[in-house]
Amino acid sequence: MAQSSVRGDVPAVEDTMSLTARDETSRDGEPDGGEPASAQPADGRGRHGGGDGDGGDDGRRRGGRRGTERRRGRRMLRWSATVLAVLITGTAGAGYLYYQHLNGNIKKEKLNLGDSKVAAPTPNAAGQTPLNILLIGSDARDSKENQKLGGARDTFGGTPLADVQMLVHLSADRSNMSVVSMPRDTLVRLPKCTAPDGKVYAASTYPRPTNESLGRGGPGCTVATWTELTGIHIDHFMMIDFAGVVSMADAIGGVPVCVDANIHSRDSQGRGSGLKLEKGTTKVKGEQALQWLRTRYGFGDNTDLYRAQAQHMYMNAMVRELRANATLSNPNKLRKLAEAATDAVTVDEGLGDIKKMYNLANELKKVPTDRITMTTMPNRLVGNRVEPTEDAETVFRMIREDVALDGKDKKKPKKERESADPAAPDGEIAVQVRNGTRTDTQGAAPGRASAVAGILTGEGFTQAVADSSVLPAQKTTVIRFPSADLEGDAQRVAKALGIPLSAVKKSTDVSGVTLIVGADWREGTAYEAPKKRDKTPESANALNASDDSACMKVNPNYTWK
């Protein structure tokens, strides 16, 4: 990442923006009328020079030490904008305002509380790697203000839920950005998490709603849950609360949103966010922005899927607004927004100061608006919950392989990287074979590990053995190895069976070359690699940030005249 510089000669402050993702909460047994919330965004930008409300012209006329101090003061004020350039896009000027004070506001927690870690992607030819940032919206009622905004009076101080989860993927070449939202009630197997205080939360026996992950030691467990589910390496997380969303949305001055009919998100049972808007486009800010981002009852079929669409529309509109207009040129507004952002945000230790946030912003700002794509994880209903579908794995794989979700990547020949480490003779390569053919709907195919071990033995891998002690669930067949000196051996096994080298990965979860037979090879002697579709599934409901025609569909039961 580019390093920031703190110097007297300050460049102009351009687009700055902070995105926070929030959502209404869902608690078992709690009426939706007090639905906890979520929400998102905020940011701003200012202009360098006189006319910013700080008496610039007067200072220049007077000259001398006093004029210099005034100009320095204005430059220092602009530093506050840098903290806002946290997500989606933005640039920031260098300066120095409350540096230590703002750093002290930022709360930090561990990045990953789980046992499984995914290796960082291999750099491209230019030495660049993708960046993945998980945005978390907590429903915590840990203050009077958050309790008032979130409702549900009986939940004050209760275990928080991660009711908004969005993965922001910045491509290695910084040409595009993809955002994937996961519905809060997605059923997943929560991993074992060890909290910072040493408390251990055992892995869940049965699938549980993903938003429960936050209460198992903090945001690091939500990161661990994503890592387990997607196999995506996550570099950072950012978490924010209700009050921070409101104060930052106020400071922006409003974001235009659209509804196709009058809407009032409130019914006779008290369910809804309270949002009330007239048909057409309205600029929302403050608490009304929070209501928009929380609204489920009143959009589409009253589900989280439509709420995610509303959040994506808001985020995209904010990107366009901040890039098109010179916003927040008033130093007092910038200072207020900086205070709100740093006071509300919780980040991992790798983002734990203003300079690191500034460096991240420098990377995020490079993506043009028309290369930002918002999606929702493809899913299907399971009772009143949802679970990932096969299309979800397509999206996750595209993120893992740094394939743009907007379909605008330049076509380039794919060459699988071969290990520089030479393989041992086939007969000397020890291979453990595990049966990972179990799925959510099917049991493991009987004897599959032994059958594939036999196939390997017939190919000359006489040290291949079946490991019946572990029965993982693996969608596609993979080969894992623990250290670089075994990579060549692992790739040799893959070539012998026709398994693509992209399925061969380093992992600390294995002690030697390990073949995990997936659900895609439940029978037969020859492996057929699944065909890759580098196209975002329609079920992901992709929305491009440059689309200014998007308008939320209002449920007829929540309209008014």
Protein backbone atom coordinates (compact mmCIF):
# COMPACT_ATOMS: atom_id res chain seq x y z
CA MET A 1 0.00 0.00 0.00
CA ALA A 2 1.05 3.57 -0.54
CA GLN A 3 2.41 5.22 2.58
CA SER A 4 0.95 8.49 3.80
CA SER A 5 3.14 11.52 4.37
CA VAL A 6 2.67 14.16 7.02
CA ARG A 7 4.14 17.42 5.85
CA GLY A 8 3.47 21.11 5.70
CA ASP A 9 2.75 21.20 1.96
CA VAL A 10 -0.72 19.65 2.00
CA PRO A 11 -2.51 18.36 -1.12
CA ALA A 12 -6.19 19.04 -1.59
CA VAL A 13 -8.68 16.88 0.22
CA GLU A 14 -10.75 15.06 -2.40
CA ASP A 15 -13.50 12.46 -2.08
CA THR A 16 -13.62 10.88 1.35
CA MET A 17 -16.03 8.27 2.47
CA SER A 18 -16.71 5.79 5.23
CA LEU A 19 -19.10 2.89 4.78
CA THR A 20 -20.68 1.13 7.69
CA ALA A 21 -23.01 -1.76 7.30
CA ARG A 22 -25.94 -2.19 9.66
CA ASP A 23 -29.19 -4.04 9.83
CA GLU A 24 -32.20 -4.84 11.95
CA THR A 25 -31.62 -7.62 14.40
CA SER A 26 -33.44 -10.87 14.66
CA ARG A 27 -33.66 -12.50 18.07
CA ASP A 28 -35.53 -15.71 18.71
CA GLY A 29 -38.69 -14.95 20.60
CA GLU A 30 -38.37 -11.18 20.17
CA PRO A 31 -41.11 -9.33 18.28
CA ASP A 32 -39.87 -7.61 15.16
CA GLY A 33 -41.38 -4.34 16.31
CA GLY A 34 -38.29 -3.70 18.36
CA GLU A 35 -36.16 -5.06 15.63
CA PRO A 36 -32.63 -4.24 16.25
CA ALA A 37 -31.09 -2.58 13.48
CA SER A 38 -28.29 -2.17 11.24
CA ALA A 39 -27.13 0.27 8.86
CA GLN A 40 -24.31 1.56 7.11
CA PRO A 41 -22.42 4.33 5.54
CA ALA A 42 -20.98 7.68 5.94
CA ASP A 43 -18.36 9.90 4.66
CA GLY A 44 -17.50 13.21 3.24
CA ARG A 45 -14.97 15.31 1.48
CA GLY A 46 -13.66 18.84 1.61
CA ARG A 47 -11.75 21.39 -0.47
CA HIS A 48 -8.34 22.80 0.27
CA GLY A 49 -7.81 26.54 0.35
CA GLY A 50 -9.69 29.66 1.47
CA GLY A 51 -13.43 29.97 1.73
CA ASP A 52 -13.72 26.94 4.01
CA GLY A 53 -15.15 28.89 6.92
CA ASP A 54 -11.77 29.41 8.53
CA GLY A 55 -11.00 32.95 7.38
CA GLY A 56 -8.40 31.90 4.82
CA ASP A 57 -8.35 35.17 2.86
CA ASP A 58 -8.00 37.29 5.97
CA GLY A 59 -5.05 35.18 7.13
CA ARG A 60 -3.27 35.63 3.83
CA ARG A 61 -3.72 39.44 3.90
CA ARG A 62 -2.26 39.71 7.36
CA GLY A 63 0.67 37.41 6.55
CA GLY A 64 3.39 36.77 9.09
CA ARG A 65 3.27 34.25 11.88
CA ARG A 66 -0.44 34.63 12.59
CA GLY A 67 -1.35 34.00 8.94
CA THR A 68 0.94 30.97 8.84
CA GLU A 69 -0.67 29.58 11.98
CA ARG A 70 -4.13 30.06 10.48
CA ARG A 71 -3.15 28.21 7.29
CA ARG A 72 -1.55 25.43 9.33
CA GLY A 73 -4.75 25.20 11.37
CA ARG A 74 -6.81 24.74 8.24
CA ARG A 75 -4.45 22.09 6.95
CA MET A 76 -4.57 20.28 10.29
CA LEU A 77 -8.35 20.32 10.26
CA ARG A 78 -8.32 18.46 6.96
CA TRP A 79 -6.61 15.50 8.58
CA SER A 80 -9.91 14.65 10.18
CA ALA A 81 -11.22 13.71 6.74
CA THR A 82 -8.74 10.88 6.37
CA VAL A 83 -10.47 8.65 8.89
CA LEU A 84 -13.64 8.82 6.81
CA ALA A 85 -11.92 7.32 3.78
CA VAL A 86 -12.39 3.88 5.25
CA LEU A 87 -14.42 1.98 2.70
CA ILE A 88 -15.68 1.83 -0.86
CA THR A 89 -13.83 4.91 -2.16
CA GLY A 90 -12.21 8.15 -1.27
CA THR A 91 -9.02 10.11 -1.08
CA ALA A 92 -7.65 12.10 1.76
CA GLY A 93 -5.20 14.91 2.31
CA ALA A 94 -2.29 14.74 4.68
CA GLY A 95 -2.28 16.83 7.81
CA TYR A 96 -2.28 16.50 11.54
CA LEU A 97 -5.38 17.11 13.66
CA TYR A 98 -5.88 15.32 16.93
CA TYR A 99 -3.64 12.56 15.66
CA GLN A 100 -3.16 10.86 19.01
CA HIS A 101 -6.67 11.78 20.14
CA LEU A 102 -8.31 10.16 17.11
CA ASN A 103 -6.04 7.14 17.38
CA GLY A 104 -7.15 6.79 20.99
CA ASN A 105 -10.78 6.71 19.90
CA ILE A 106 -10.31 3.63 17.73
CA LYS A 107 -11.16 0.32 19.40
CA LYS A 108 -9.17 -2.75 18.32
CA GLU A 109 -9.77 -6.49 18.58
CA LYS A 110 -8.12 -9.63 17.23
CA LEU A 111 -8.67 -10.40 13.55
CA ASN A 112 -9.45 -14.14 13.68
CA LEU A 113 -10.50 -16.10 16.77
CA GLY A 114 -10.80 -19.43 14.95
CA ASP A 115 -8.32 -22.27 14.48
CA SER A 116 -8.46 -22.38 10.68
CA LYS A 117 -6.41 -19.86 8.77
CA VAL A 118 -6.33 -19.38 4.99
CA ALA A 119 -3.04 -18.46 3.37
CA ALA A 120 -2.85 -15.05 1.71
CA PRO A 121 -3.24 -15.12 -2.09
CA THR A 122 -0.12 -15.36 -4.23
CA PRO A 123 0.91 -11.93 -5.59
CA ASN A 124 0.32 -11.27 -9.28
CA ALA A 125 3.11 -10.48 -11.76
CA ALA A 126 3.22 -6.89 -10.48
CA GLY A 127 3.57 -8.03 -6.88
CA GLN A 128 -0.01 -7.01 -5.97
CA THR A 129 -2.44 -9.01 -3.87
CA PRO A 130 -6.20 -8.62 -3.37
CA LEU A 131 -7.61 -7.10 -0.17
CA ASN A 132 -10.65 -8.52 1.63
CA ILE A 133 -12.34 -6.46 4.36
CA LEU A 134 -15.31 -7.79 6.34
CA LEU A 135 -17.84 -5.13 7.37
CA ILE A 136 -19.83 -6.01 10.47
CA GLY A 137 -22.92 -4.24 11.78
CA SER A 138 -23.40 -4.97 15.47
CA ASP A 139 -26.80 -4.63 17.11
CA ALA A 140 -25.23 -4.02 20.54
CA ARG A 141 -27.45 -2.15 23.04
CA ASP A 142 -24.43 -1.12 25.10
CA SER A 143 -25.32 2.55 25.52
CA LYS A 144 -28.48 4.60 26.09
CA GLU A 145 -28.20 6.04 22.59
CA ASN A 146 -27.83 2.64 20.93
CA GLN A 147 -30.72 1.32 23.02
CA LYS A 148 -32.94 4.21 21.94
CA LEU A 149 -32.06 3.79 18.26
CA GLY A 150 -32.34 0.00 18.29
CA GLY A 151 -35.49 -0.38 20.34
CA ALA A 152 -36.21 -3.70 22.09
CA ARG A 153 -35.90 -2.30 25.61
CA ASP A 154 -35.44 -5.72 27.22
CA THR A 155 -32.20 -6.40 25.33
CA PHE A 156 -29.99 -3.71 26.92
CA GLY A 157 -26.51 -5.10 27.48
CA GLY A 158 -27.41 -8.43 25.89
CA THR A 159 -25.20 -10.54 23.65
CA PRO A 160 -24.69 -8.62 20.37
CA LEU A 161 -25.49 -10.08 16.97
CA ALA A 162 -23.64 -9.49 13.70
CA ASP A 163 -26.75 -8.48 11.84
CA VAL A 164 -24.98 -7.05 8.81
CA GLN A 165 -22.04 -8.84 7.23
CA MET A 166 -20.54 -7.63 3.97
CA LEU A 167 -17.29 -8.77 2.43
CA VAL A 168 -15.53 -6.07 0.41
CA HIS A 169 -13.08 -7.50 -2.13
CA LEU A 170 -10.57 -5.14 -3.74
CA SER A 171 -8.90 -6.73 -6.76
CA ALA A 172 -5.14 -7.18 -6.85
CA ASP A 173 -4.75 -4.68 -9.70
CA ARG A 174 -7.17 -2.24 -8.01
CA SER A 175 -9.33 -2.12 -11.13
CA ASN A 176 -12.56 -3.34 -9.51
CA MET A 177 -14.33 -3.96 -6.23
CA SER A 178 -16.93 -6.57 -5.32
CA VAL A 179 -19.17 -6.58 -2.24
CA VAL A 180 -20.97 -9.73 -1.05
CA SER A 181 -23.68 -9.46 1.62
CA MET A 182 -24.64 -12.49 3.70
CA PRO A 183 -28.20 -12.53 5.09
CA ARG A 184 -28.13 -12.38 8.89
CA ASP A 185 -30.13 -15.60 9.29
CA THR A 186 -27.92 -17.72 7.04
CA LEU A 187 -27.46 -21.15 8.62
CA VAL A 188 -23.81 -22.18 9.00
CA ARG A 189 -21.79 -24.38 11.32
CA LEU A 190 -20.10 -21.91 13.64
CA PRO A 191 -16.41 -22.74 14.17
CA LYS A 192 -14.58 -23.12 17.44
CA CYS A 193 -13.58 -19.66 18.65
CA THR A 194 -11.26 -18.64 21.48
CA ALA A 195 -12.17 -15.24 22.92
CA PRO A 196 -9.47 -12.71 23.87
CA ASP A 197 -10.15 -13.49 27.55
CA GLY A 198 -9.37 -17.18 26.93
CA LYS A 199 -12.95 -18.46 26.94
CA VAL A 200 -13.42 -21.21 24.36
CA TYR A 201 -16.64 -21.52 22.36
CA ALA A 202 -16.97 -25.02 20.92
CA ALA A 203 -17.90 -25.48 17.28
CA SER A 204 -21.66 -25.75 16.82
CA THR A 205 -22.98 -29.27 16.32
CA TYR A 206 -25.80 -28.09 14.10
CA PRO A 207 -26.08 -25.11 11.71
CA ARG A 208 -26.82 -21.84 13.50
CA PRO A 209 -27.66 -18.32 12.22
CA THR A 210 -24.43 -16.62 11.21
CA ASN A 211 -25.22 -13.46 13.17
CA GLU A 212 -24.69 -15.41 16.41
CA SER A 213 -20.96 -15.54 15.61
CA LEU A 214 -20.36 -12.06 17.07
CA GLY A 215 -21.43 -13.20 20.55
CA ARG A 216 -18.78 -15.92 20.57
CA GLY A 217 -15.81 -13.78 21.54
CA GLY A 218 -16.26 -10.78 19.25
CA PRO A 219 -15.83 -9.83 15.58
CA GLY A 220 -12.87 -12.20 15.22
CA CYS A 221 -15.32 -15.10 15.45
CA THR A 222 -17.43 -13.61 12.66
CA VAL A 223 -14.25 -13.44 10.57
CA ALA A 224 -13.50 -17.09 11.47
CA THR A 225 -17.04 -18.07 10.39
CA TRP A 226 -16.57 -16.44 6.98
CA THR A 227 -13.16 -18.03 6.58
CA GLU A 228 -14.54 -21.51 7.34
CA LEU A 229 -17.50 -21.10 4.99
CA THR A 230 -15.84 -19.42 2.02
CA GLY A 231 -12.15 -20.34 2.12
CA ILE A 232 -11.41 -16.65 1.51
CA HIS A 233 -8.42 -15.01 3.21
CA ILE A 234 -9.72 -11.97 5.14
CA ASP A 235 -7.23 -9.15 5.73
CA HIS A 236 -9.26 -6.81 7.96
CA PHE A 237 -12.61 -6.23 9.61
CA MET A 238 -14.50 -3.07 10.56
CA MET A 239 -17.47 -2.98 12.93
CA ILE A 240 -19.72 -0.07 13.84
CA ASP A 241 -22.85 0.64 15.92
CA PHE A 242 -26.17 2.46 15.51
CA ALA A 243 -25.11 5.79 17.02
CA GLY A 244 -22.06 6.06 14.80
CA VAL A 245 -24.15 5.46 11.69
CA VAL A 246 -26.56 8.24 12.61
CA SER A 247 -23.89 10.82 13.44
CA MET A 248 -21.92 10.13 10.28
CA ALA A 249 -25.01 10.11 8.07
CA ASP A 250 -25.87 13.53 9.56
CA ALA A 251 -22.43 14.87 8.75
CA ILE A 252 -22.65 13.80 5.10
CA GLY A 253 -25.70 15.96 4.57
CA GLY A 254 -27.93 13.34 2.97
CA VAL A 255 -27.92 10.50 0.43
CA PRO A 256 -30.63 10.22 -2.26
CA VAL A 257 -32.78 7.09 -2.13
CA CYS A 258 -35.80 6.07 -4.21
CA VAL A 259 -39.07 4.20 -3.57
CA ASP A 260 -41.68 3.35 -6.21
CA ALA A 261 -44.59 4.22 -3.88
CA ASN A 262 -45.28 5.97 -0.59
CA ILE A 263 -43.92 3.83 2.25
CA HIS A 264 -44.43 3.63 6.01
CA SER A 265 -42.52 0.76 7.58
CA ARG A 266 -44.87 0.10 10.50
CA ASP A 267 -47.80 -2.28 10.85
CA SER A 268 -50.58 -2.94 13.37
CA GLN A 269 -48.31 -5.27 15.33
CA GLY A 270 -45.64 -2.62 15.70
CA ARG A 271 -43.25 -4.26 13.26
CA GLY A 272 -41.05 -2.10 11.09
CA SER A 273 -38.30 0.52 11.19
CA GLY A 274 -40.64 3.52 11.18
CA LEU A 275 -39.34 4.79 7.83
CA LYS A 276 -41.90 7.06 6.14
CA LEU A 277 -41.18 8.46 2.68
CA GLU A 278 -43.13 9.75 -0.30
CA LYS A 279 -42.88 8.09 -3.70
CA GLY A 280 -39.80 9.11 -5.66
CA THR A 281 -36.36 10.27 -4.57
CA THR A 282 -35.62 11.70 -1.13
CA LYS A 283 -32.36 12.64 0.54
CA VAL A 284 -32.16 10.80 3.85
CA LYS A 285 -29.73 11.52 6.67
CA GLY A 286 -29.29 10.90 10.37
CA GLU A 287 -31.87 8.66 11.98
CA GLN A 288 -33.89 8.51 8.77
CA ALA A 289 -30.85 7.04 6.99
CA LEU A 290 -30.62 4.44 9.75
CA GLN A 291 -34.31 3.63 9.24
CA TRP A 292 -33.74 3.13 5.52
CA LEU A 293 -30.88 0.76 6.16
CA ARG A 294 -32.89 -1.19 8.77
CA THR A 295 -36.12 -1.49 6.81
CA ARG A 296 -37.37 -5.00 6.12
CA TYR A 297 -41.12 -4.58 6.56
CA GLY A 298 -42.19 -2.54 3.57
CA PHE A 299 -39.66 -3.52 0.91
CA GLY A 300 -40.52 -6.31 -1.53
CA ASP A 301 -41.60 -9.44 0.33
CA ASN A 302 -40.51 -8.17 3.77
CA THR A 303 -37.34 -10.29 3.86
CA ASP A 304 -33.67 -9.63 4.49
CA LEU A 305 -33.02 -10.07 0.78
CA TYR A 306 -34.86 -6.86 -0.07
CA ARG A 307 -33.27 -5.11 2.89
CA ALA A 308 -29.85 -6.01 1.46
CA GLN A 309 -30.93 -4.47 -1.86
CA ALA A 310 -31.89 -1.26 -0.07
CA GLN A 311 -28.52 -1.17 1.66
CA HIS A 312 -26.71 -1.67 -1.65
CA MET A 313 -28.71 1.14 -3.26
CA TYR A 314 -27.82 3.46 -0.39
CA MET A 315 -24.14 2.61 -0.56
CA ASN A 316 -24.01 3.08 -4.33
CA ALA A 317 -25.86 6.39 -4.12
CA MET A 318 -23.41 7.57 -1.48
CA VAL A 319 -20.46 6.70 -3.71
CA ARG A 320 -21.96 8.72 -6.57
CA GLU A 321 -22.89 11.62 -4.31
CA LEU A 322 -19.45 11.96 -2.78
CA ARG A 323 -17.62 11.66 -6.06
CA ALA A 324 -19.87 14.12 -7.86
CA ASN A 325 -20.01 16.89 -5.25
CA ALA A 326 -17.60 18.78 -3.04
CA THR A 327 -19.02 17.75 0.31
CA LEU A 328 -18.19 18.72 3.88
CA SER A 329 -15.94 21.68 3.11
CA ASN A 330 -16.74 23.04 6.58
CA PRO A 331 -13.93 22.10 9.01
CA ASN A 332 -16.35 21.77 11.91
CA LYS A 333 -18.37 19.18 9.97
CA LEU A 334 -15.20 17.30 9.10
CA ARG A 335 -14.12 17.30 12.72
CA LYS A 336 -17.54 16.10 13.88
CA LEU A 337 -17.51 13.27 11.35
CA ALA A 338 -13.95 12.25 12.25
CA GLU A 339 -14.85 12.15 15.94
CA ALA A 340 -17.97 10.08 15.22
CA ALA A 341 -16.18 7.64 12.93
CA THR A 342 -13.22 6.95 15.18
CA ASP A 343 -15.35 6.76 18.29
CA ALA A 344 -17.82 4.29 16.74
CA VAL A 345 -15.52 1.99 14.79
CA THR A 346 -13.90 -1.22 16.02
CA VAL A 347 -11.18 -2.66 13.78
CA ASP A 348 -8.56 -5.38 13.79
CA GLU A 349 -5.07 -4.52 14.95
CA GLY A 350 -3.86 -4.24 11.36
CA LEU A 351 -6.10 -1.18 10.88
CA GLY A 352 -5.62 0.22 14.36
CA ASP A 353 -4.50 3.78 13.60
CA ILE A 354 -5.32 6.70 11.32
CA LYS A 355 -2.29 6.19 9.10
CA LYS A 356 -3.26 2.58 8.34
CA MET A 357 -6.80 3.65 7.51
CA TYR A 358 -5.40 6.35 5.25
CA ASN A 359 -3.22 3.81 3.44
CA LEU A 360 -6.23 1.55 2.96
CA ALA A 361 -8.23 4.47 1.59
CA ASN A 362 -5.47 5.17 -0.92
CA GLU A 363 -5.97 1.67 -2.30
CA LEU A 364 -9.77 1.76 -2.29
CA LYS A 365 -9.97 5.12 -4.04
CA LYS A 366 -8.42 3.69 -7.22
CA VAL A 367 -11.57 1.81 -8.25
CA PRO A 368 -13.88 3.70 -10.66
CA THR A 369 -17.56 3.83 -9.73
CA ASP A 370 -18.64 1.68 -12.67
CA ARG A 371 -16.39 -1.16 -11.48
CA ILE A 372 -18.02 -1.46 -8.02
CA THR A 373 -20.49 -4.36 -7.82
CA MET A 374 -22.84 -5.10 -4.92
CA THR A 375 -24.23 -8.63 -4.55
CA THR A 376 -26.08 -10.84 -2.07
CA MET A 377 -24.89 -14.37 -1.33
CA PRO A 378 -27.12 -16.73 -3.37
CA ASN A 379 -29.31 -18.69 -0.97
CA ARG A 380 -32.42 -20.82 -0.54
CA LEU A 381 -35.03 -20.98 2.19
CA VAL A 382 -34.76 -23.51 5.01
CA GLY A 383 -37.87 -22.90 7.09
CA ASN A 384 -37.65 -19.23 8.00
CA ARG A 385 -33.85 -19.21 7.56
CA VAL A 386 -31.62 -19.50 4.50
CA GLU A 387 -28.54 -21.48 3.49
CA PRO A 388 -25.91 -20.97 0.76
CA THR A 389 -26.56 -22.57 -2.63
CA GLU A 390 -24.22 -23.91 -5.29
CA ASP A 391 -24.30 -20.44 -6.83
CA ALA A 392 -22.89 -19.08 -3.57
CA GLU A 393 -19.82 -21.28 -4.01
CA THR A 394 -19.40 -19.83 -7.51
CA VAL A 395 -19.33 -16.32 -6.04
CA PHE A 396 -16.91 -17.35 -3.28
CA ARG A 397 -14.61 -19.04 -5.80
CA MET A 398 -14.59 -15.95 -8.01
CA ILE A 399 -13.56 -13.88 -4.97
CA ARG A 400 -10.87 -16.42 -4.04
CA GLU A 401 -9.50 -16.36 -7.59
CA ASP A 402 -9.81 -12.57 -7.89
CA VAL A 403 -12.33 -12.69 -10.74
CA ALA A 404 -14.38 -9.49 -11.05
CA LEU A 405 -18.10 -9.95 -10.35
CA ASP A 406 -19.00 -7.33 -12.96
CA GLY A 407 -17.74 -9.56 -15.78
CA LYS A 408 -15.46 -6.84 -17.17
CA ASP A 409 -12.12 -8.47 -16.50
CA LYS A 410 -9.79 -8.55 -19.47
CA LYS A 411 -9.59 -12.09 -20.77
CA LYS A 412 -6.19 -13.59 -20.12
CA PRO A 413 -4.92 -17.13 -20.49
CA LYS A 414 -4.90 -18.98 -17.21
CA LYS A 415 -1.70 -20.78 -16.42
CA GLU A 416 -1.62 -22.97 -13.38
CA ARG A 417 1.46 -22.34 -11.27
CA GLU A 418 3.67 -25.36 -10.87
CA SER A 419 5.79 -25.87 -7.80
CA ALA A 420 9.52 -25.24 -8.02
CA ASP A 421 9.94 -28.11 -5.57
CA PRO A 422 10.51 -31.36 -7.52
CA ALA A 423 8.26 -34.28 -6.69
CA ALA A 424 9.60 -37.49 -5.17
CA PRO A 425 9.14 -40.75 -7.10
CA ASP A 426 5.49 -41.83 -7.08
CA GLY A 427 6.18 -44.87 -4.92
CA GLU A 428 7.78 -42.71 -2.22
CA ILE A 429 4.94 -40.18 -1.90
CA ALA A 430 2.82 -40.87 1.19
CA VAL A 431 -0.80 -39.90 0.58
CA GLN A 432 -3.67 -39.93 3.07
CA VAL A 433 -7.11 -40.21 1.46
CA ARG A 434 -10.18 -38.96 3.29
CA ASN A 435 -13.85 -39.38 2.45
CA GLY A 436 -15.34 -35.88 2.23
CA THR A 437 -18.38 -36.81 0.15
CA ARG A 438 -20.89 -36.01 2.91
CA THR A 439 -23.30 -33.15 2.18
CA ASP A 440 -26.18 -31.51 4.01
CA THR A 441 -28.61 -33.81 2.21
CA GLN A 442 -26.52 -36.98 1.66
CA GLY A 443 -24.38 -39.15 3.88
CA ALA A 444 -20.81 -40.01 2.95
CA ALA A 445 -20.48 -42.45 0.04
CA PRO A 446 -19.44 -45.75 1.72
CA GLY A 447 -15.85 -46.85 1.22
CA ARG A 448 -14.93 -43.92 -0.97
CA ALA A 449 -11.56 -43.21 0.69
CA SER A 450 -10.49 -46.83 0.29
CA ALA A 451 -11.63 -46.89 -3.32
CA VAL A 452 -9.65 -43.79 -4.29
CA ALA A 453 -6.61 -44.98 -2.33
CA GLY A 454 -6.82 -48.14 -4.44
CA ILE A 455 -6.90 -46.05 -7.61
CA LEU A 456 -3.74 -44.26 -6.49
CA THR A 457 -2.02 -47.53 -5.65
CA GLY A 458 -2.80 -48.76 -9.14
CA GLU A 459 -1.16 -45.60 -10.52
CA GLY A 460 2.06 -46.41 -8.66
CA PHE A 461 1.47 -44.43 -5.43
CA THR A 462 2.02 -47.49 -3.26
CA GLN A 463 2.07 -45.49 -0.02
CA ALA A 464 -1.50 -44.20 -0.46
CA VAL A 465 -3.75 -45.16 2.48
CA ALA A 466 -7.34 -44.46 3.47
CA ASP A 467 -7.84 -42.35 6.59
CA SER A 468 -11.23 -43.32 8.01
CA SER A 469 -10.78 -41.32 11.22
CA VAL A 470 -11.82 -38.05 9.60
CA LEU A 471 -15.02 -37.58 7.58
CA PRO A 472 -15.10 -33.95 6.46
CA ALA A 473 -17.71 -32.41 4.18
CA GLN A 474 -16.01 -31.17 1.01
CA LYS A 475 -17.95 -29.88 -2.00
CA THR A 476 -15.14 -30.38 -4.50
CA THR A 477 -12.17 -32.71 -4.38
CA VAL A 478 -9.01 -31.04 -3.05
CA ILE A 479 -5.43 -31.90 -2.12
CA ARG A 480 -3.75 -30.28 0.87
CA PHE A 481 -0.11 -30.22 1.98
CA PRO A 482 1.44 -28.72 5.16
CA SER A 483 4.76 -27.25 3.96
CA ALA A 484 6.51 -26.00 0.84
CA ASP A 485 8.74 -29.07 0.57
CA LEU A 486 5.66 -31.22 -0.09
CA GLU A 487 4.00 -28.99 -2.69
CA GLY A 488 5.65 -30.79 -5.61
CA ASP A 489 4.46 -34.15 -4.24
CA ALA A 490 0.90 -32.85 -3.86
CA GLN A 491 0.87 -31.50 -7.41
CA ARG A 492 2.18 -34.82 -8.73
CA VAL A 493 -0.78 -36.62 -7.12
CA ALA A 494 -3.15 -34.08 -8.66
CA LYS A 495 -1.73 -34.58 -12.16
CA ALA A 496 -2.00 -38.34 -11.86
CA LEU A 497 -5.72 -38.12 -11.06
CA GLY A 498 -6.63 -35.22 -13.35
CA ILE A 499 -7.33 -32.84 -10.45
CA PRO A 500 -6.63 -29.17 -11.36
CA LEU A 501 -3.61 -27.60 -9.67
CA SER A 502 -5.90 -24.82 -8.39
CA ALA A 503 -7.35 -27.47 -6.03
CA VAL A 504 -3.93 -28.03 -4.45
CA LYS A 505 -3.40 -25.74 -1.45
CA LYS A 506 -1.13 -25.40 1.54
CA SER A 507 -2.89 -26.05 4.87
CA THR A 508 -1.80 -26.36 8.48
CA ASP A 509 -4.77 -28.67 9.10
CA VAL A 510 -2.93 -31.65 7.58
CA SER A 511 0.34 -33.36 8.49
CA GLY A 512 1.20 -34.70 5.04
CA VAL A 513 -0.10 -34.84 1.48
CA THR A 514 -3.84 -35.35 1.96
CA LEU A 515 -6.45 -36.02 -0.72
CA ILE A 516 -9.99 -35.16 0.37
CA VAL A 517 -12.48 -36.82 -1.97
CA GLY A 518 -15.32 -34.34 -2.41
CA ALA A 519 -19.03 -34.62 -3.12
CA ASP A 520 -18.21 -34.13 -6.82
CA TRP A 521 -16.53 -37.59 -6.92
CA ARG A 522 -18.93 -39.90 -5.10
CA GLU A 523 -18.44 -42.71 -7.61
CA GLY A 524 -16.33 -43.87 -10.54
CA THR A 525 -12.61 -44.27 -11.10
CA ALA A 526 -11.93 -41.16 -13.16
CA TYR A 527 -12.21 -37.67 -11.71
CA GLU A 528 -14.00 -35.06 -13.83
CA ALA A 529 -13.13 -31.53 -12.75
CA PRO A 530 -16.20 -29.29 -12.54
CA LYS A 531 -16.39 -26.66 -15.25
CA LYS A 532 -15.73 -23.19 -13.94
CA ARG A 533 -18.19 -20.40 -14.67
CA ASP A 534 -16.49 -17.06 -14.29
CA LYS A 535 -19.85 -15.31 -14.43
CA THR A 536 -21.77 -13.92 -11.48
CA PRO A 537 -24.98 -15.96 -11.02
CA GLU A 538 -28.25 -14.08 -11.53
CA SER A 539 -29.25 -15.21 -8.03
CA ALA A 540 -26.58 -12.88 -6.59
CA ASN A 541 -28.72 -9.85 -7.61
CA ALA A 542 -25.73 -7.81 -8.75
CA LEU A 543 -26.08 -4.02 -8.70
CA ASN A 544 -23.50 -1.70 -10.24
CA ALA A 545 -22.58 1.47 -8.34
CA SER A 546 -23.02 3.61 -11.45
CA ASP A 547 -26.70 2.61 -11.80
CA ASP A 548 -28.64 5.68 -10.65
CA SER A 549 -32.02 4.36 -11.79
CA ALA A 550 -32.47 1.81 -8.99
CA CYS A 551 -35.65 2.24 -6.94
CA MET A 552 -36.95 0.05 -4.10
CA LYS A 553 -40.20 -1.82 -4.66
CA VAL A 554 -42.65 -1.04 -1.86
CA ASN A 555 -44.86 -3.78 -0.42
CA PRO A 556 -48.53 -2.74 -1.02
CA ASN A 557 -49.39 -3.47 2.63
CA TYR A 558 -46.98 -0.74 3.78
CA THR A 559 -47.99 2.13 1.54
CA TRP A 560 -50.11 5.20 2.34
CA LYS A 561 -52.03 7.93 0.52
